[in-house]
N, C-alpha and C. Protein backbone atom coordinates (compact mmCIF):
# COMPACT_ATOMS: atom_id res chain seq x y z
N MET A 1 -36.57 -81.94 26.02
CA MET A 1 -36.31 -83.22 26.68
C MET A 1 -34.97 -83.11 27.39
N LYS A 2 -34.94 -83.53 28.63
CA LYS A 2 -33.73 -83.48 29.44
C LYS A 2 -33.10 -84.87 29.43
N ILE A 3 -31.80 -84.93 29.06
CA ILE A 3 -31.09 -86.21 29.00
C ILE A 3 -29.73 -86.09 29.67
N ILE A 4 -29.14 -87.24 29.96
CA ILE A 4 -27.79 -87.31 30.52
C ILE A 4 -26.93 -88.04 29.49
N LEU A 5 -25.86 -87.40 29.04
CA LEU A 5 -24.99 -88.00 28.04
C LEU A 5 -24.13 -89.10 28.67
N THR A 6 -23.99 -90.22 27.95
CA THR A 6 -23.14 -91.30 28.42
C THR A 6 -21.85 -91.37 27.62
N GLN A 7 -21.81 -90.68 26.47
CA GLN A 7 -20.62 -90.59 25.65
C GLN A 7 -20.48 -89.16 25.16
N GLU A 8 -19.30 -88.82 24.66
CA GLU A 8 -19.11 -87.48 24.13
C GLU A 8 -19.86 -87.34 22.81
N VAL A 9 -20.66 -86.29 22.70
CA VAL A 9 -21.39 -86.00 21.48
C VAL A 9 -20.91 -84.63 21.00
N SER A 10 -20.38 -84.61 19.79
CA SER A 10 -19.81 -83.39 19.24
C SER A 10 -20.85 -82.28 19.19
N GLY A 11 -20.50 -81.12 19.75
CA GLY A 11 -21.39 -79.97 19.74
C GLY A 11 -22.45 -80.00 20.81
N LEU A 12 -22.47 -81.04 21.64
CA LEU A 12 -23.50 -81.15 22.66
C LEU A 12 -22.91 -81.21 24.06
N GLY A 13 -21.93 -82.09 24.27
CA GLY A 13 -21.32 -82.17 25.59
C GLY A 13 -20.52 -83.43 25.79
N ALA A 14 -20.07 -83.58 27.02
CA ALA A 14 -19.22 -84.71 27.41
C ALA A 14 -20.04 -85.68 28.26
N PRO A 15 -19.51 -86.89 28.50
CA PRO A 15 -20.22 -87.85 29.33
C PRO A 15 -20.52 -87.27 30.72
N GLY A 16 -21.74 -87.49 31.18
CA GLY A 16 -22.14 -87.01 32.49
C GLY A 16 -22.83 -85.66 32.46
N ASP A 17 -22.80 -84.98 31.33
CA ASP A 17 -23.47 -83.68 31.23
C ASP A 17 -24.97 -83.87 31.11
N VAL A 18 -25.72 -83.03 31.81
CA VAL A 18 -27.18 -83.01 31.69
C VAL A 18 -27.51 -81.90 30.70
N VAL A 19 -28.14 -82.26 29.58
CA VAL A 19 -28.43 -81.28 28.53
C VAL A 19 -29.91 -81.35 28.15
N GLU A 20 -30.37 -80.26 27.59
CA GLU A 20 -31.74 -80.15 27.09
C GLU A 20 -31.68 -80.21 25.56
N VAL A 21 -32.37 -81.17 24.96
CA VAL A 21 -32.40 -81.31 23.49
C VAL A 21 -33.84 -81.40 23.02
N LYS A 22 -34.03 -81.28 21.72
CA LYS A 22 -35.36 -81.44 21.13
C LYS A 22 -35.81 -82.88 21.32
N ASN A 23 -37.12 -83.07 21.47
CA ASN A 23 -37.66 -84.40 21.75
C ASN A 23 -37.27 -85.43 20.70
N GLY A 24 -37.39 -85.09 19.42
CA GLY A 24 -37.09 -86.05 18.36
C GLY A 24 -35.63 -86.46 18.34
N TYR A 25 -34.73 -85.50 18.54
CA TYR A 25 -33.29 -85.79 18.54
C TYR A 25 -32.93 -86.74 19.67
N GLY A 26 -33.49 -86.49 20.83
CA GLY A 26 -33.21 -87.35 21.97
C GLY A 26 -33.83 -88.73 21.82
N ARG A 27 -35.12 -88.76 21.47
CA ARG A 27 -35.86 -90.01 21.41
C ARG A 27 -35.47 -90.89 20.22
N ASN A 28 -35.15 -90.27 19.08
CA ASN A 28 -34.89 -91.04 17.86
C ASN A 28 -33.42 -91.30 17.57
N TYR A 29 -32.52 -90.53 18.18
CA TYR A 29 -31.10 -90.72 17.88
C TYR A 29 -30.27 -91.01 19.13
N LEU A 30 -30.26 -90.08 20.08
CA LEU A 30 -29.35 -90.20 21.22
C LEU A 30 -29.66 -91.42 22.10
N LEU A 31 -30.92 -91.63 22.44
CA LEU A 31 -31.26 -92.76 23.31
C LEU A 31 -31.06 -94.11 22.63
N PRO A 32 -31.56 -94.33 21.38
CA PRO A 32 -31.34 -95.65 20.76
C PRO A 32 -29.88 -95.97 20.47
N GLN A 33 -29.06 -94.96 20.17
CA GLN A 33 -27.65 -95.21 19.89
C GLN A 33 -26.84 -95.43 21.16
N GLY A 34 -27.42 -95.18 22.31
CA GLY A 34 -26.71 -95.37 23.57
C GLY A 34 -25.84 -94.19 23.94
N PHE A 35 -26.02 -93.04 23.28
CA PHE A 35 -25.24 -91.85 23.59
C PHE A 35 -25.76 -91.14 24.83
N ALA A 36 -26.98 -91.47 25.25
CA ALA A 36 -27.58 -90.77 26.38
C ALA A 36 -28.59 -91.67 27.07
N ILE A 37 -28.94 -91.26 28.31
CA ILE A 37 -30.03 -91.90 29.04
C ILE A 37 -31.01 -90.81 29.44
N ALA A 38 -32.26 -91.20 29.62
CA ALA A 38 -33.28 -90.23 30.00
C ALA A 38 -32.98 -89.71 31.40
N TRP A 39 -33.26 -88.43 31.62
CA TRP A 39 -32.99 -87.81 32.90
C TRP A 39 -34.09 -88.17 33.90
N THR A 40 -33.68 -88.70 35.04
CA THR A 40 -34.57 -88.91 36.18
C THR A 40 -33.74 -88.61 37.42
N LYS A 41 -34.41 -88.55 38.56
CA LYS A 41 -33.67 -88.29 39.80
C LYS A 41 -32.69 -89.43 40.09
N GLY A 42 -33.10 -90.66 39.79
CA GLY A 42 -32.21 -91.81 40.00
C GLY A 42 -31.03 -91.79 39.05
N ALA A 43 -31.29 -91.38 37.81
CA ALA A 43 -30.22 -91.32 36.82
C ALA A 43 -29.23 -90.21 37.17
N GLU A 44 -29.70 -89.21 37.87
CA GLU A 44 -28.82 -88.11 38.29
C GLU A 44 -27.67 -88.66 39.15
N LYS A 45 -27.96 -89.71 39.94
CA LYS A 45 -26.92 -90.32 40.77
C LYS A 45 -25.87 -91.02 39.92
N GLN A 46 -26.30 -91.55 38.75
CA GLN A 46 -25.36 -92.22 37.86
C GLN A 46 -24.38 -91.23 37.24
N VAL A 47 -24.77 -89.97 37.20
CA VAL A 47 -23.90 -88.95 36.63
C VAL A 47 -22.58 -88.90 37.38
N THR A 48 -22.62 -89.02 38.68
CA THR A 48 -21.38 -88.99 39.46
C THR A 48 -20.47 -90.17 39.10
N LEU A 49 -21.05 -91.35 38.87
CA LEU A 49 -20.26 -92.51 38.48
C LEU A 49 -19.64 -92.31 37.10
N ILE A 50 -20.42 -91.76 36.17
CA ILE A 50 -19.91 -91.52 34.82
C ILE A 50 -18.77 -90.52 34.86
N LYS A 51 -18.95 -89.45 35.62
CA LYS A 51 -17.91 -88.42 35.70
C LYS A 51 -16.65 -88.95 36.38
N ARG A 52 -16.81 -89.81 37.36
CA ARG A 52 -15.65 -90.38 38.04
C ARG A 52 -14.86 -91.27 37.08
N ALA A 53 -15.55 -92.07 36.27
CA ALA A 53 -14.88 -92.93 35.29
C ALA A 53 -14.20 -92.09 34.21
N ARG A 54 -14.84 -91.00 33.81
CA ARG A 54 -14.26 -90.13 32.79
C ARG A 54 -12.99 -89.47 33.30
N SER A 55 -13.00 -89.03 34.53
CA SER A 55 -11.81 -88.34 35.07
C SER A 55 -10.63 -89.29 35.21
N ALA A 56 -10.90 -90.59 35.39
CA ALA A 56 -9.82 -91.56 35.54
C ALA A 56 -9.03 -91.73 34.23
N ARG A 57 -9.73 -91.65 33.07
CA ARG A 57 -9.03 -91.89 31.81
C ARG A 57 -8.78 -90.64 30.99
N GLU A 58 -9.25 -89.50 31.44
CA GLU A 58 -9.14 -88.28 30.68
C GLU A 58 -7.83 -87.55 30.97
N ILE A 59 -7.46 -86.73 30.05
CA ILE A 59 -6.30 -85.86 30.23
C ILE A 59 -6.61 -84.95 31.42
N ARG A 60 -5.69 -84.86 32.36
CA ARG A 60 -5.98 -84.18 33.62
C ARG A 60 -6.17 -82.68 33.49
N ASP A 61 -5.27 -82.01 32.78
CA ASP A 61 -5.37 -80.57 32.68
C ASP A 61 -4.66 -80.09 31.42
N LEU A 62 -4.62 -78.80 31.23
CA LEU A 62 -4.02 -78.23 30.03
C LEU A 62 -2.53 -78.56 29.94
N GLY A 63 -1.82 -78.54 31.05
CA GLY A 63 -0.39 -78.86 31.06
C GLY A 63 -0.13 -80.30 30.63
N HIS A 64 -0.95 -81.21 31.13
CA HIS A 64 -0.81 -82.62 30.76
C HIS A 64 -1.15 -82.81 29.29
N ALA A 65 -2.15 -82.09 28.79
CA ALA A 65 -2.53 -82.19 27.38
C ALA A 65 -1.38 -81.71 26.49
N ASN A 66 -0.72 -80.63 26.86
CA ASN A 66 0.41 -80.13 26.08
C ASN A 66 1.59 -81.10 26.11
N GLU A 67 1.78 -81.78 27.24
CA GLU A 67 2.84 -82.78 27.37
C GLU A 67 2.57 -83.96 26.43
N VAL A 68 1.33 -84.43 26.40
CA VAL A 68 0.95 -85.53 25.52
C VAL A 68 1.07 -85.10 24.05
N LYS A 69 0.70 -83.84 23.77
CA LYS A 69 0.82 -83.31 22.41
C LYS A 69 2.28 -83.34 21.95
N GLY A 70 3.20 -82.96 22.82
CA GLY A 70 4.62 -82.99 22.49
C GLY A 70 5.09 -84.40 22.18
N GLN A 71 4.60 -85.38 22.94
CA GLN A 71 4.97 -86.77 22.69
C GLN A 71 4.46 -87.23 21.33
N LEU A 72 3.22 -86.86 21.00
CA LEU A 72 2.61 -87.34 19.76
C LEU A 72 3.22 -86.71 18.52
N GLU A 73 3.52 -85.42 18.58
CA GLU A 73 3.99 -84.74 17.38
C GLU A 73 5.40 -85.15 16.98
N GLY A 74 6.16 -85.72 17.88
CA GLY A 74 7.49 -86.20 17.52
C GLY A 74 7.51 -87.68 17.20
N LEU A 75 6.35 -88.29 17.05
CA LEU A 75 6.23 -89.73 16.91
C LEU A 75 6.06 -90.15 15.44
N LYS A 76 6.73 -91.23 15.07
CA LYS A 76 6.56 -91.83 13.74
C LYS A 76 5.67 -93.05 13.92
N VAL A 77 4.44 -92.96 13.45
CA VAL A 77 3.48 -94.04 13.62
C VAL A 77 3.32 -94.78 12.31
N SER A 78 3.55 -96.08 12.35
CA SER A 78 3.44 -96.92 11.16
C SER A 78 2.48 -98.05 11.46
N LEU A 79 1.64 -98.37 10.50
CA LEU A 79 0.63 -99.40 10.69
C LEU A 79 0.69 -100.37 9.51
N LYS A 80 0.84 -101.66 9.80
CA LYS A 80 0.85 -102.66 8.75
C LYS A 80 -0.58 -103.15 8.54
N ALA A 81 -0.97 -103.21 7.27
CA ALA A 81 -2.32 -103.69 6.95
C ALA A 81 -2.24 -104.55 5.70
N ARG A 82 -3.14 -105.51 5.60
CA ARG A 82 -3.18 -106.37 4.42
C ARG A 82 -3.67 -105.56 3.24
N ALA A 83 -2.95 -105.66 2.14
CA ALA A 83 -3.31 -104.91 0.94
C ALA A 83 -3.10 -105.75 -0.30
N GLY A 84 -3.84 -105.43 -1.34
CA GLY A 84 -3.71 -106.13 -2.61
C GLY A 84 -2.84 -105.34 -3.56
N ASP A 85 -2.98 -105.63 -4.83
CA ASP A 85 -2.19 -104.93 -5.85
C ASP A 85 -2.57 -103.45 -5.87
N GLY A 86 -1.58 -102.61 -6.07
CA GLY A 86 -1.83 -101.17 -6.14
C GLY A 86 -1.98 -100.51 -4.78
N GLY A 87 -1.76 -101.24 -3.70
CA GLY A 87 -1.81 -100.65 -2.37
C GLY A 87 -3.20 -100.51 -1.79
N ARG A 88 -4.20 -101.10 -2.42
CA ARG A 88 -5.58 -101.00 -1.90
C ARG A 88 -5.76 -102.01 -0.77
N LEU A 89 -6.25 -101.51 0.39
CA LEU A 89 -6.40 -102.36 1.57
C LEU A 89 -7.61 -103.28 1.47
N PHE A 90 -7.54 -104.41 2.16
CA PHE A 90 -8.69 -105.28 2.33
C PHE A 90 -9.44 -104.76 3.54
N GLY A 91 -10.40 -103.89 3.33
CA GLY A 91 -11.10 -103.24 4.43
C GLY A 91 -10.55 -101.84 4.60
N SER A 92 -10.63 -101.30 5.80
CA SER A 92 -10.09 -99.97 6.06
C SER A 92 -9.45 -99.95 7.45
N VAL A 93 -8.70 -98.89 7.70
CA VAL A 93 -8.02 -98.74 8.98
C VAL A 93 -9.01 -98.12 9.97
N THR A 94 -9.13 -98.72 11.15
CA THR A 94 -10.06 -98.24 12.17
C THR A 94 -9.34 -97.39 13.21
N PRO A 95 -10.07 -96.54 13.92
CA PRO A 95 -9.46 -95.75 14.99
C PRO A 95 -8.80 -96.61 16.06
N ALA A 96 -9.39 -97.77 16.36
CA ALA A 96 -8.80 -98.66 17.37
C ALA A 96 -7.43 -99.15 16.92
N GLU A 97 -7.28 -99.46 15.63
CA GLU A 97 -5.98 -99.90 15.10
C GLU A 97 -4.95 -98.77 15.18
N ILE A 98 -5.40 -97.54 14.93
CA ILE A 98 -4.49 -96.39 15.01
C ILE A 98 -4.01 -96.19 16.44
N VAL A 99 -4.93 -96.29 17.40
CA VAL A 99 -4.56 -96.13 18.82
C VAL A 99 -3.55 -97.20 19.22
N ASP A 100 -3.76 -98.44 18.76
CA ASP A 100 -2.82 -99.52 19.07
C ASP A 100 -1.46 -99.27 18.42
N ALA A 101 -1.44 -98.71 17.21
CA ALA A 101 -0.19 -98.41 16.53
C ALA A 101 0.57 -97.31 17.25
N VAL A 102 -0.15 -96.32 17.77
CA VAL A 102 0.50 -95.23 18.52
C VAL A 102 1.15 -95.80 19.78
N LYS A 103 0.43 -96.67 20.46
CA LYS A 103 0.96 -97.28 21.68
C LYS A 103 2.18 -98.16 21.38
N ALA A 104 2.13 -98.90 20.25
CA ALA A 104 3.25 -99.75 19.85
C ALA A 104 4.47 -98.92 19.46
N ALA A 105 4.24 -97.71 18.97
CA ALA A 105 5.35 -96.84 18.57
C ALA A 105 5.96 -96.10 19.76
N GLY A 106 5.45 -96.37 20.94
CA GLY A 106 6.00 -95.74 22.14
C GLY A 106 5.25 -94.51 22.59
N GLY A 107 4.07 -94.30 22.04
CA GLY A 107 3.26 -93.13 22.40
C GLY A 107 2.35 -93.41 23.57
N PRO A 108 1.60 -92.41 24.00
CA PRO A 108 0.70 -92.58 25.13
C PRO A 108 -0.58 -93.31 24.74
N ALA A 109 -1.29 -93.82 25.72
CA ALA A 109 -2.59 -94.45 25.48
C ALA A 109 -3.60 -93.35 25.17
N LEU A 110 -4.36 -93.54 24.10
CA LEU A 110 -5.31 -92.52 23.65
C LEU A 110 -6.73 -93.08 23.62
N ASP A 111 -7.70 -92.18 23.58
CA ASP A 111 -9.10 -92.55 23.45
C ASP A 111 -9.45 -92.53 21.97
N ARG A 112 -9.86 -93.66 21.41
CA ARG A 112 -10.13 -93.76 19.97
C ARG A 112 -11.26 -92.84 19.52
N ARG A 113 -12.17 -92.49 20.43
CA ARG A 113 -13.31 -91.64 20.05
C ARG A 113 -12.90 -90.20 19.81
N ARG A 114 -11.70 -89.83 20.23
CA ARG A 114 -11.25 -88.44 20.05
C ARG A 114 -10.43 -88.24 18.78
N LEU A 115 -10.20 -89.33 18.03
CA LEU A 115 -9.44 -89.22 16.78
C LEU A 115 -10.29 -88.55 15.69
N GLU A 116 -9.64 -87.72 14.88
CA GLU A 116 -10.29 -87.10 13.73
C GLU A 116 -9.52 -87.54 12.50
N LEU A 117 -10.12 -88.44 11.72
CA LEU A 117 -9.46 -88.99 10.54
C LEU A 117 -9.84 -88.21 9.30
N PRO A 118 -8.98 -88.22 8.28
CA PRO A 118 -9.28 -87.50 7.03
C PRO A 118 -10.18 -88.34 6.11
N GLY A 119 -11.23 -88.94 6.61
CA GLY A 119 -12.08 -89.83 5.83
C GLY A 119 -11.68 -91.27 6.10
N HIS A 120 -12.15 -92.17 5.27
CA HIS A 120 -11.81 -93.58 5.41
C HIS A 120 -10.43 -93.84 4.81
N ILE A 121 -9.62 -94.57 5.54
CA ILE A 121 -8.27 -94.90 5.07
C ILE A 121 -8.35 -96.27 4.43
N LYS A 122 -8.31 -96.31 3.08
CA LYS A 122 -8.49 -97.56 2.37
C LYS A 122 -7.33 -97.93 1.45
N SER A 123 -6.21 -97.21 1.57
CA SER A 123 -5.05 -97.56 0.76
C SER A 123 -3.78 -97.21 1.53
N THR A 124 -2.67 -97.77 1.06
CA THR A 124 -1.39 -97.49 1.73
C THR A 124 -0.97 -96.06 1.43
N GLY A 125 -0.15 -95.51 2.32
CA GLY A 125 0.33 -94.15 2.15
C GLY A 125 0.44 -93.44 3.48
N SER A 126 0.62 -92.14 3.43
CA SER A 126 0.76 -91.33 4.63
C SER A 126 -0.49 -90.46 4.80
N TYR A 127 -1.01 -90.42 6.02
CA TYR A 127 -2.24 -89.69 6.31
C TYR A 127 -2.06 -88.82 7.55
N PRO A 128 -2.56 -87.58 7.52
CA PRO A 128 -2.53 -86.75 8.72
C PRO A 128 -3.68 -87.13 9.65
N VAL A 129 -3.38 -87.32 10.91
CA VAL A 129 -4.40 -87.67 11.90
C VAL A 129 -4.37 -86.62 13.00
N ARG A 130 -5.55 -86.16 13.40
CA ARG A 130 -5.66 -85.19 14.49
C ARG A 130 -6.38 -85.86 15.65
N ILE A 131 -6.02 -85.46 16.86
CA ILE A 131 -6.69 -85.96 18.05
C ILE A 131 -6.93 -84.79 19.00
N LYS A 132 -8.15 -84.72 19.48
CA LYS A 132 -8.52 -83.65 20.40
C LYS A 132 -8.24 -84.13 21.82
N LEU A 133 -7.15 -83.63 22.40
CA LEU A 133 -6.72 -84.05 23.73
C LEU A 133 -7.44 -83.30 24.84
N HIS A 134 -7.79 -82.07 24.57
CA HIS A 134 -8.36 -81.15 25.56
C HIS A 134 -9.18 -80.15 24.75
N PRO A 135 -10.17 -79.49 25.33
CA PRO A 135 -10.93 -78.51 24.54
C PRO A 135 -10.06 -77.44 23.86
N GLU A 136 -8.89 -77.18 24.41
CA GLU A 136 -8.01 -76.16 23.86
C GLU A 136 -6.79 -76.73 23.13
N VAL A 137 -6.59 -78.05 23.18
CA VAL A 137 -5.37 -78.65 22.63
C VAL A 137 -5.73 -79.76 21.64
N THR A 138 -5.22 -79.61 20.41
CA THR A 138 -5.37 -80.62 19.38
C THR A 138 -3.98 -80.99 18.86
N ALA A 139 -3.68 -82.28 18.86
CA ALA A 139 -2.37 -82.74 18.39
C ALA A 139 -2.52 -83.33 16.99
N LYS A 140 -1.46 -83.23 16.20
CA LYS A 140 -1.44 -83.78 14.85
C LYS A 140 -0.23 -84.69 14.72
N PHE A 141 -0.42 -85.82 14.04
CA PHE A 141 0.70 -86.70 13.73
C PHE A 141 0.41 -87.39 12.42
N ASP A 142 1.46 -87.89 11.79
CA ASP A 142 1.31 -88.58 10.50
C ASP A 142 1.27 -90.08 10.74
N LEU A 143 0.31 -90.72 10.08
CA LEU A 143 0.17 -92.17 10.13
C LEU A 143 0.59 -92.71 8.78
N THR A 144 1.53 -93.65 8.78
CA THR A 144 1.97 -94.28 7.55
C THR A 144 1.42 -95.68 7.50
N VAL A 145 0.61 -95.95 6.50
CA VAL A 145 0.02 -97.28 6.33
C VAL A 145 0.86 -98.01 5.29
N VAL A 146 1.42 -99.15 5.69
CA VAL A 146 2.27 -99.93 4.79
C VAL A 146 1.66 -101.31 4.59
N GLN A 147 2.02 -101.90 3.45
CA GLN A 147 1.52 -103.23 3.14
C GLN A 147 2.25 -104.25 3.99
N GLY A 148 1.49 -105.12 4.62
CA GLY A 148 2.15 -106.09 5.50
C GLY A 148 1.44 -107.31 5.63
């Protein structure tokens, strides 16, 4: 089955890529979740729009990715979250909250879908967070979750 990705799918491709997948994977997972659209000649034209939007918000090149990595690795990111006794959070920390905390700490604007978290963050403390800025560049920074 030939499909066009609308979002980044790990191990498959980036938005706008035309890929060939097994029928069940495409029909039962990628299409219903909105990760892809079925390939047609008309949809092929949408690929250019998707790629244009991606290039507007994506890291431009390897040099820019390394520059952003330098900014992130020297950053102290702190996030206040509601917590009960013993530091257990009411809910968990989301990637969107982490991106907002990075921006509030003076860091660059990031794409929340590229964050790699060490599991669910459900208590106060310090956590290592990785973000894939470029296929060749991954930045790491520490996130401190405090009761607030």
